[in-house]
Each structure stands twice: as C-alpha cells, then as structure tokens.
Protein backbone atom coordinates (compact mmCIF):
# COMPACT_ATOMS: atom_id res chain seq x y z
CA MET A 1 183.23 100.35 80.11
CA THR A 2 186.35 98.19 80.14
CA LEU A 3 189.28 98.41 77.75
CA SER A 4 188.89 96.65 74.40
CA GLY A 5 191.95 96.02 72.27
CA PRO A 6 194.29 98.57 73.91
CA HIS A 7 197.34 99.32 71.77
CA GLY A 8 199.58 102.32 72.47
CA ILE A 9 200.43 103.67 75.93
CA PHE A 10 202.30 106.73 77.18
CA VAL A 11 203.45 107.79 80.69
CA ASP A 12 204.02 111.50 81.42
CA GLY A 13 206.23 113.13 84.04
CA ASN A 14 203.50 112.88 86.70
CA PHE A 15 203.26 109.10 86.20
CA ARG A 16 199.87 109.37 84.54
CA LEU A 17 199.17 106.56 82.06
CA TYR A 18 197.53 107.32 78.71
CA VAL A 19 195.99 104.33 76.86
CA ALA A 20 194.76 104.16 73.26
CA ASP A 21 191.59 102.07 73.64
CA CYS A 22 191.43 100.93 70.01
CA ASN A 23 188.14 99.08 69.73
CA ASN A 24 186.29 101.61 71.90
CA ASN A 25 187.59 104.53 69.79
CA ARG A 26 188.75 106.56 72.77
CA ILE A 27 191.80 107.66 74.82
CA GLN A 28 191.80 107.00 78.53
CA ARG A 29 193.99 108.41 81.29
CA PHE A 30 194.86 106.60 84.52
CA ASP A 31 196.25 108.68 87.37
CA SER A 32 199.10 107.30 89.46
CA GLY A 33 197.83 104.62 91.84
CA SER A 34 194.32 104.59 90.35
CA LEU A 35 192.66 101.60 88.66
CA ASN A 36 189.83 103.64 87.17
CA GLY A 37 190.50 105.50 83.93
CA THR A 38 189.12 108.82 82.74
CA THR A 39 188.10 109.21 79.09
CA ILE A 40 189.72 112.38 77.76
CA VAL A 41 189.19 111.87 73.99
CA LYS A 42 186.30 110.02 72.36
CA ASN A 43 183.93 110.27 69.44
CA GLY A 44 181.84 113.35 69.88
CA THR A 45 184.67 115.42 71.35
CA SER A 46 184.91 117.31 68.05
CA THR A 47 182.22 117.92 65.46
CA THR A 48 184.71 117.64 62.58
CA VAL A 49 187.11 114.91 63.69
CA SER A 50 186.26 111.52 65.18
CA LEU A 51 188.51 108.67 66.25
CA ASP A 52 188.57 105.40 64.35
CA GLN A 53 190.68 102.70 66.01
CA PRO A 54 193.39 104.82 67.71
CA THR A 55 196.62 102.85 68.22
CA GLY A 56 199.60 105.15 68.90
CA ILE A 57 199.70 107.97 71.43
CA VAL A 58 202.34 110.60 72.40
CA LEU A 59 202.13 113.59 74.79
CA ASP A 60 204.36 116.61 74.07
CA ALA A 61 205.77 119.19 76.49
CA ASP A 62 202.76 121.48 75.99
CA ASP A 63 200.33 118.72 77.08
CA ASN A 64 199.10 118.27 73.50
CA LEU A 65 198.09 114.68 72.76
CA PHE A 66 199.11 113.25 69.35
CA ILE A 67 197.12 110.18 68.28
CA ALA A 68 197.79 107.71 65.44
CA ASP A 69 194.25 107.06 64.12
CA ARG A 70 194.65 103.75 62.28
CA GLY A 71 191.15 103.49 60.88
CA GLY A 72 191.19 107.08 59.65
CA ASN A 73 194.73 106.87 58.16
CA ARG A 74 195.74 110.10 59.84
CA ILE A 75 197.43 111.77 62.81
CA VAL A 76 195.25 113.95 65.02
CA ARG A 77 196.15 116.30 67.86
CA PHE A 78 194.12 116.82 71.01
CA GLU A 79 195.11 120.17 72.52
CA TYR A 80 195.08 120.97 76.22
CA ASN A 81 192.08 123.29 75.75
CA GLY A 82 189.94 120.41 74.41
CA THR A 83 190.31 121.03 70.66
CA LEU A 84 190.72 117.95 68.41
CA LEU A 85 192.49 118.72 65.10
CA CYS A 86 193.71 116.64 62.18
CA ILE A 87 197.34 117.44 61.28
CA ILE A 88 198.51 114.66 58.90
CA GLY A 89 196.44 112.72 56.32
CA CYS A 90 193.51 115.06 56.61
CA THR A 91 192.59 115.39 52.92
CA ASP A 92 194.60 112.60 51.31
CA ASN A 93 194.19 109.26 53.04
CA THR A 94 196.94 107.73 50.89
CA ILE A 95 199.71 109.53 52.78
CA LEU A 96 199.36 107.11 55.67
CA LYS A 97 198.27 103.50 55.48
CA TYR A 98 197.01 102.16 58.77
CA PRO A 99 199.44 104.03 61.06
CA GLU A 100 200.26 102.05 64.17
CA THR A 101 202.79 103.95 66.29
CA MET A 102 204.43 107.38 66.29
CA SER A 103 207.22 109.24 68.06
CA PHE A 104 209.00 112.63 68.17
CA ASP A 105 212.68 113.53 67.93
CA SER A 106 214.40 116.46 69.64
CA ASN A 107 213.63 118.74 66.67
CA GLY A 108 209.90 118.10 66.78
CA ASN A 109 209.76 115.80 63.76
CA ILE A 110 207.13 113.06 63.82
CA TYR A 111 208.05 109.47 62.90
CA VAL A 112 205.15 107.17 62.00
CA THR A 113 205.10 103.42 61.36
CA GLY A 114 202.31 101.62 59.54
CA ARG A 115 201.45 98.11 58.41
CA GLU A 116 200.98 99.00 54.75
CA ASN A 117 203.79 101.56 54.45
CA ARG A 118 206.52 98.98 55.12
CA GLY A 119 208.78 101.59 56.64
CA ILE A 120 209.04 104.66 58.86
CA GLN A 121 207.69 107.96 57.63
CA LYS A 122 209.10 111.27 58.83
CA PHE A 123 206.95 114.39 58.95
CA ALA A 124 208.65 117.75 59.50
CA LEU A 125 205.97 119.95 61.02
CA ALA A 126 206.49 123.68 60.44
CA THR A 127 204.02 125.08 62.93
CA ASN A 128 205.18 128.67 62.52
CA SER A 129 206.33 128.68 58.89
CA CYS A 130 204.65 129.11 55.52
CA ASP A 131 206.66 126.27 53.95
CA THR A 132 204.86 123.10 52.95
CA PRO A 133 205.73 120.22 55.28
CA SER A 134 207.81 117.50 53.68
CA ILE A 135 207.19 113.80 54.10
CA THR A 136 210.18 111.46 54.01
CA ALA A 137 210.01 107.68 54.04
CA ILE A 138 213.21 106.22 55.52
CA LEU A 139 214.60 102.79 56.27
CA GLN A 140 212.30 101.16 53.73
CA SER A 141 213.38 97.61 52.90
CA SER A 142 212.94 95.35 49.91
CA THR A 143 214.05 91.85 48.99
CA VAL A 144 216.05 91.37 45.77
CA PRO A 145 216.53 87.80 44.42
CA THR A 146 219.98 86.94 43.09
CA ASN A 147 221.04 83.73 41.27
CA ILE A 148 224.56 82.52 42.12
CA GLN A 149 226.19 79.35 40.71
CA THR A 150 228.24 77.21 43.04
CA THR A 151 230.73 74.38 42.29
CA ILE A 152 230.85 71.13 44.25
CA ALA A 153 233.37 68.23 44.24
CA ASN A 154 231.77 66.10 41.49
CA GLN A 155 232.07 68.99 39.02
CA SER A 156 228.31 69.17 38.60
CA TYR A 157 226.68 72.57 38.59
CA HIS A 158 223.72 73.63 40.72
CA SER A 159 221.83 76.90 40.74
CA THR A 160 221.35 78.34 44.24
CA GLU A 161 218.89 81.18 44.78
CA ILE A 162 219.80 83.56 47.65
CA MET A 163 217.33 86.10 48.89
CA GLN A 164 219.56 89.06 49.84
CA PRO A 165 217.82 92.06 51.44
CA SER A 166 218.95 95.53 50.52
CA LEU A 167 218.07 98.90 52.07
CA PHE A 168 217.33 102.09 50.25
CA VAL A 169 215.83 105.47 51.13
CA THR A 170 213.09 107.09 49.13
CA THR A 171 212.09 110.71 49.51
CA ILE A 172 208.76 111.85 48.14
CA GLN A 173 207.11 115.24 48.18
CA VAL A 174 203.39 115.32 48.74
CA THR A 175 200.86 118.01 49.03
CA ALA A 176 199.67 118.48 52.58
CA PRO A 177 197.84 121.27 54.32
CA THR A 178 200.17 123.96 55.60
CA LEU A 179 200.23 124.18 59.42
CA LEU A 180 200.49 127.77 60.56
CA PHE A 181 200.29 129.52 63.88
CA ILE A 182 198.78 132.97 63.60
CA ALA A 183 198.55 134.94 66.80
CA PRO A 184 195.10 136.47 67.13
CA THR A 185 194.74 140.22 67.20
CA CYS A 186 193.00 141.16 70.42
CA SER A 187 190.64 144.11 70.42
CA ASN A 188 192.10 145.23 73.74
CA GLN A 189 195.81 145.78 73.22
CA THR A 190 196.51 145.17 76.91
CA TYR A 191 195.60 141.47 76.52
CA ILE A 192 197.35 138.67 74.65
CA GLY A 193 196.90 134.94 74.10
CA ILE A 194 194.80 132.72 71.89
CA HIS A 195 191.64 133.68 73.75
CA CYS A 196 192.82 137.23 74.60
CA ASN A 197 192.54 136.42 78.28
CA ILE A 198 196.13 137.09 79.38
CA SER A 199 196.95 140.57 80.62
CA ALA A 200 200.02 142.10 78.96
CA THR A 201 200.51 144.95 81.43
CA PRO A 202 203.88 145.05 83.23
CA CYS A 203 202.30 144.68 86.66
CA ASP A 204 200.42 141.53 85.62
CA LEU A 205 203.21 139.85 83.66
CA SER A 206 205.65 139.79 86.57
CA ASN A 207 205.87 140.72 90.23
CA LEU A 208 207.98 143.85 89.86
CA CYS A 209 207.37 145.70 93.14
CA GLN A 210 208.91 144.40 96.34
CA ASN A 211 208.06 144.63 100.04
CA ASN A 212 204.27 144.53 99.54
CA ALA A 213 204.29 147.65 97.36
CA THR A 214 201.39 148.35 94.98
CA CYS A 215 202.15 148.19 91.26
CA GLN A 216 200.45 150.82 89.10
CA ASN A 217 200.32 150.47 85.30
CA ILE A 218 201.12 153.63 83.36
CA ASN A 219 200.70 153.02 79.60
CA THR A 220 203.56 150.67 78.71
CA THR A 221 205.47 151.18 81.95
CA TYR A 222 204.67 150.97 85.65
CA ARG A 223 205.20 152.65 89.00
CA CYS A 224 205.59 151.12 92.45
CA ASN A 225 203.73 152.80 95.30
CA CYS A 226 205.91 151.98 98.30
CA LEU A 227 204.77 151.50 101.86
CA LEU A 228 206.01 153.90 104.53
CA GLY A 229 209.71 153.36 105.16
CA PHE A 230 210.56 151.90 101.74
CA ASN A 231 211.95 153.61 98.66
CA GLY A 232 213.59 152.82 95.33
CA THR A 233 212.26 152.12 91.85
CA GLU A 234 210.88 148.77 92.98
CA CYS A 235 210.65 149.65 96.71
CA GLN A 236 213.69 147.48 97.31
CA PHE A 237 215.32 149.71 99.93
CA ASP A 238 214.17 149.36 103.53
CA GLN A 239 214.63 152.66 105.40
CA ARG A 240 212.43 151.88 108.40
CA PRO A 241 214.04 152.61 111.78
CA CYS A 242 212.89 149.26 113.12
CA GLN A 243 213.99 146.90 110.36
CA PRO A 244 213.96 143.15 110.95
CA ASN A 245 216.81 142.13 113.25
CA ARG A 246 217.58 145.75 114.09
CA CYS A 247 217.93 144.83 117.78
CA TRP A 248 220.08 141.82 118.52
CA ASN A 249 219.77 139.01 121.03
CA ASN A 250 215.95 139.08 121.19
CA GLY A 251 215.84 142.80 121.84
CA ILE A 252 212.65 144.75 121.06
CA CYS A 253 212.87 147.73 118.70
CA ASN A 254 210.81 150.76 119.68
CA LYS A 255 210.12 153.36 116.99
CA LEU A 256 210.53 156.89 118.34
CA THR A 257 210.24 158.88 115.10
CA ASN A 258 210.42 158.06 111.40
CA GLU A 259 214.21 158.04 111.70
CA THR A 260 215.07 157.16 115.31
CA PHE A 261 214.57 154.13 117.53
CA ASN A 262 215.75 152.50 120.71
CA CYS A 263 216.16 148.89 121.70
CA THR A 264 214.68 147.34 124.81
CA CYS A 265 217.25 144.69 125.55
CA ALA A 266 216.58 141.33 127.08
CA SER A 267 218.09 140.57 130.46
CA ASN A 268 221.88 140.35 130.57
CA TRP A 269 222.32 142.38 127.35
CA ALA A 270 223.09 146.05 126.79
CA GLY A 271 224.18 148.48 124.08
CA ILE A 272 222.48 150.47 121.33
CA TYR A 273 221.61 147.30 119.44
CA CYS A 274 221.71 144.99 122.50
CA GLU A 275 224.96 143.69 121.07
CA ARG A 276 226.97 143.58 124.31
CA MET A 277 226.58 141.12 127.15
CA ILE A 278 226.60 142.81 130.56
CA ASN A 279 229.92 142.28 132.39
CA TYR A 280 229.05 141.84 136.05
CA CYS A 281 232.75 141.84 136.98
CA GLU A 282 233.13 145.56 136.27
CA ASN A 283 232.12 146.56 139.82
CA VAL A 284 233.27 143.42 141.62
CA SER A 285 236.63 142.89 143.36
CA CYS A 286 237.68 139.41 144.36
CA GLU A 287 239.78 139.27 147.53
CA ASN A 288 243.05 137.43 148.13
CA GLU A 289 244.13 137.72 144.47
CA GLY A 290 241.02 135.93 143.19
CA ILE A 291 240.01 136.32 139.53
CA CYS A 292 236.48 137.37 138.52
CA ARG A 293 234.87 135.42 135.68
CA PRO A 294 231.78 137.00 134.02
CA LEU A 295 228.83 134.68 133.47
CA LEU A 296 225.48 135.09 131.73
CA GLY A 297 223.59 137.13 134.30
CA ASP A 298 226.13 136.58 137.08
CA TYR A 299 229.82 136.37 137.95
CA ARG A 300 232.14 134.06 139.84
CA CYS A 301 235.37 134.62 141.76
CA GLU A 302 237.94 131.91 141.17
CA CYS A 303 240.26 131.59 144.19
CA LEU A 304 243.82 130.82 143.14
CA ASP A 305 244.84 129.58 146.61
CA GLU A 306 243.06 126.60 148.06
CA ASN A 307 243.22 128.20 151.51
CA TYR A 308 240.57 130.74 150.46
CA SER A 309 236.92 130.26 149.62
CA GLY A 310 233.64 132.15 149.51
CA ARG A 311 231.85 134.17 146.82
CA HIS A 312 234.62 136.77 146.82
CA CYS A 313 237.43 134.50 148.17
CA GLU A 314 237.04 136.28 151.50
CA ILE A 315 236.92 133.18 153.72
CA SER A 316 240.31 131.96 154.98
CA SER A 317 241.11 128.48 156.20
CA GLU A 318 242.08 127.78 159.88
CA SER A 319 245.77 127.43 159.09
CA ILE A 320 245.82 130.86 157.48
CA LEU A 321 244.04 132.33 160.51
CA VAL A 322 246.62 130.85 162.92
CA HIS A 323 249.48 132.17 160.79
CA LYS A 324 247.92 135.60 160.74
CA ILE A 325 247.44 135.67 164.53
CA VAL A 326 251.01 134.57 165.23
CA SER A 327 252.39 137.08 162.75
CA LYS A 328 250.39 139.88 164.28
CA LEU A 329 251.50 138.89 167.81
CA PHE A 330 255.18 138.96 166.87
CA ALA A 331 254.71 142.28 165.17
CA VAL A 332 253.07 143.78 168.26
CA ILE A 333 255.83 142.54 170.53
CA ALA A 334 258.53 143.92 168.28
CA ILE A 335 256.82 147.26 168.04
CA LEU A 336 256.42 147.46 171.83
CA ALA A 337 260.09 146.63 172.38
CA ILE A 338 261.24 149.27 169.96
CA ALA A 339 258.90 151.81 171.54
CA ILE A 340 260.20 151.06 175.05
CA VAL A 341 263.83 151.46 173.99
CA ILE A 342 263.13 154.74 172.28
CA ALA A 343 261.20 156.01 175.32
CA CYS A 344 264.06 155.10 177.69
CA VAL A 345 266.61 156.95 175.59
CA ILE A 346 264.43 160.04 175.44
CA ILE A 347 263.80 160.02 179.21
CA MET A 348 267.51 159.62 180.05
CA ASP A 349 268.44 162.50 177.76
CA ILE A 350 265.83 164.72 179.39
CA LEU A 351 267.10 163.88 182.91
CA LYS A 352 270.72 164.41 181.97
CA TYR A 353 270.54 167.59 179.96
CA CYS A 354 267.54 169.24 181.51
CA PHE A 355 267.86 168.27 185.17
CA ASN A 356 271.61 167.40 185.37
CA ILE A 357 270.70 163.99 186.56
CA ASP A 358 272.79 161.27 185.04
CA PRO A 359 271.28 157.93 185.93
CA THR A 360 274.32 156.15 184.55
CA ARG A 361 276.91 158.01 186.58
CA ASN A 362 277.27 155.39 189.29
CA TYR A 363 277.59 152.67 186.76
CA LYS A 364 280.69 154.02 184.99
CA PRO A 365 283.89 151.98 185.44
CA LYS A 366 286.72 153.55 187.48
CA SER A 367 289.11 153.73 184.56
CA VAL A 368 286.79 156.15 182.87
CA GLN A 369 286.05 158.25 185.95
CA LYS A 370 287.20 161.83 185.94
CA THR A 371 290.91 162.34 186.98
CA LYS A 372 293.13 165.36 187.53
CA ARG A 373 295.54 166.18 184.83
CA GLN A 374 299.25 166.35 185.72
CA ARG A 375 301.37 169.22 184.60
CA PRO A 376 303.69 168.27 181.86
CA VAL A 377 307.39 168.00 182.97
CA ILE A 378 310.30 168.67 180.68
CA ILE A 379 313.35 166.61 181.46
CA ARG A 380 316.72 167.59 180.06
CA HIS A 381 319.64 165.28 180.37
CA ILE A 382 323.17 166.79 180.97
CA TYR A 383 326.19 164.78 180.07
CA ARG A 384 329.60 165.42 181.70
CA ASN A 385 332.96 164.44 180.42
CA ALA A 386 334.19 161.47 182.29
CA ARG A 387 337.85 161.01 183.37
CA SER A 388 339.65 159.05 180.97
CA ILE A 389 341.14 155.87 182.16
CA VAL A 390 344.66 155.25 181.21
C-alpha cells in the first residue's frame, strides 16, 4: 500500500523517518537508506483506540510516539511496548479541534496547533503527579476594526476603516483525565519494572565483581567469589605471581609456587624481570686502546687509531710493523752494548784484584808511571855583613 495524503514527519537520532499516513490511518517508519516503509501503528493495534486521519507525529527520548489524531480530535501515545493510549481529548472532543501538528519543549510540555482553534494550545502533562493538567491557549489572534478620520487638502472629510490586529492570551481551565504513573507492586520483591521482569538484585543491576569473579546475592547485599590469586571486596587486587607483564621484554613467567616465580628471558636479556640487556663487553678487552661498544646480542671494538683493525683492534698496519721492528732492533743493540761494557769492566777487575794482572799497565802514560820519591831538603840561607864602602 502506498502513502495517501502524508502529513507530519519526524526523523530520530538513527535517521529513521516516521510518516503520518493520514488517509490510510496509519504511521509508517522508513529505515535509513530504505524505500520500503514498515507500518508500526494502524487501526487494530489497540482495541480501545483507533487512528482517524493522523497528521502530526513526535518521538520522545523514551521511544514513545505521540500522534495528533485530527479526525478523533485528540492526542494519542504509542509506547515502545506496543500500547496505544489516548492522553489528550479522550473524553471531551471539544478540547481540541482538528489538531494538525504538535511539539515538545525542554520541560515536556506539549504544544498543539489546530485549524479550528486559531492558536497554539499548551498542555502541561504531569505524568507523576496527582494535579490536574492545565490547558493554556497562547498566541491567539483576533482582528479589531477601528474607524479613524483623516483630513485631506480640500478640507473634506473621509472615513477610513483600518483593520488592526491585536494579540491577547487566554488561559482556560478544563477538566481532563489525570495522568498518573503508578509503579506496579511485584509479587517477587527481587524484581522491578512495569512487567516485573527486571531483577533488582545487586549482582544483576551492575557488574560489581572484577577479574571474572562470581557475584553471589546475599539478601540485599552481595559477595564476590574471587578466582585464585585475587582478593579484595570486588576481587580488584591481583596477587598472582605471574601477573600480566610480570616479565619484561617478551620474557615468559613461570609459576613456581603460589607466591614465587621466575622469568625465562628472551635472548640478549637478563635479570629477575628480564629488565637488563646483556652487556657483551663485560668480558671483552679491545687491544691498542680500542673501545668496546655493546650491541643487541653482540659487541664491537672501535679502533681509535686508523693503523689498527680487526674484531679486537689486534691487526696492525705495515707501517706500524716496520716501526716496531726497527724499535726492537735498536733496543737489542743498545742492550748488547751495555752488556758488553759491563762484562769488560767486571773481567778487568777480576784480573787485576784476583790475579794481579793489570791489562792496562802497559798503556799508562809515562808521566803517571811510578817514580821514586826524593828526600825533602831544608835549605837555610846565611847572610854575612858586607864591608862597607866608604
């Protein structure tokens, strides 16, 4: 069946389109991207209320559908559980006259427009109060004729009639059925809800226990039965030896007892928690003042002198080898010369002092050869008186 005289539309948060199919006396819903509608309200939905030319449609936050039923001069509500109820104009069809559209404000008040009402009617619904709802008609307009005389240049008088609109607000109190919400009393006190199908036990109302613990209802309270290794009121404390991420750097945790563990570390890692990278330079010495650099799973010796190379800087260049050979040769020669001199001195001392052989005797100069000492002579000078010369 195609649409016939569609009037009001409404789009919800899921981009579903609701259409008031006036002439077919039904409400259709079109899902996003679909061209085929689904009839959600039609005659026969309720045994007490039937639609008669629905025009306006609004969906509230609780998925209740409010419908302006023009032919029935009333506002009906289609609840999410499939119940169709009349809420305004149920017993007195003079409250509304051919309602066309409707809307809600932030306080839940309903505003209705109609062809015969010549204004906007406000309905304050008290869904959880015993007060009688009030109906207020606002922004109602009327036209008041006024006769004003005007003067023109030829001094003749004319009567000009000006139709000046004026606005006024009229508030009327009517008798309407009181809308109440009475929570049903469930025979089983552990269940709540309109149909007594919602469990009111602590374990069912919220997920209280953590870490896959089992929640046990105890009268009005509860108890969490923790798995092995967890404790706390809600099993929120993890006391397992092998907790997640206990071993670092992809290490594997091995449970030894309920309180102890050890970590099997991946290659190149060590420590209680596999937190330390193995330093392969600890037992490595780089030669020729090279510096050891630890790597992941290895090490490298950095040679500071370009004349050295090799894994441990142990390979010398040809120039270094020549320098070493020459240096060693000079050192050997110097050592041999010193040894020969020392040996000669020792041998000469042995010959001279042990065997009274002086190899250097024939080589002494004559001035230093041994000479006889002369006896010392004392000379005394005697002076005589000389004859005087006259």
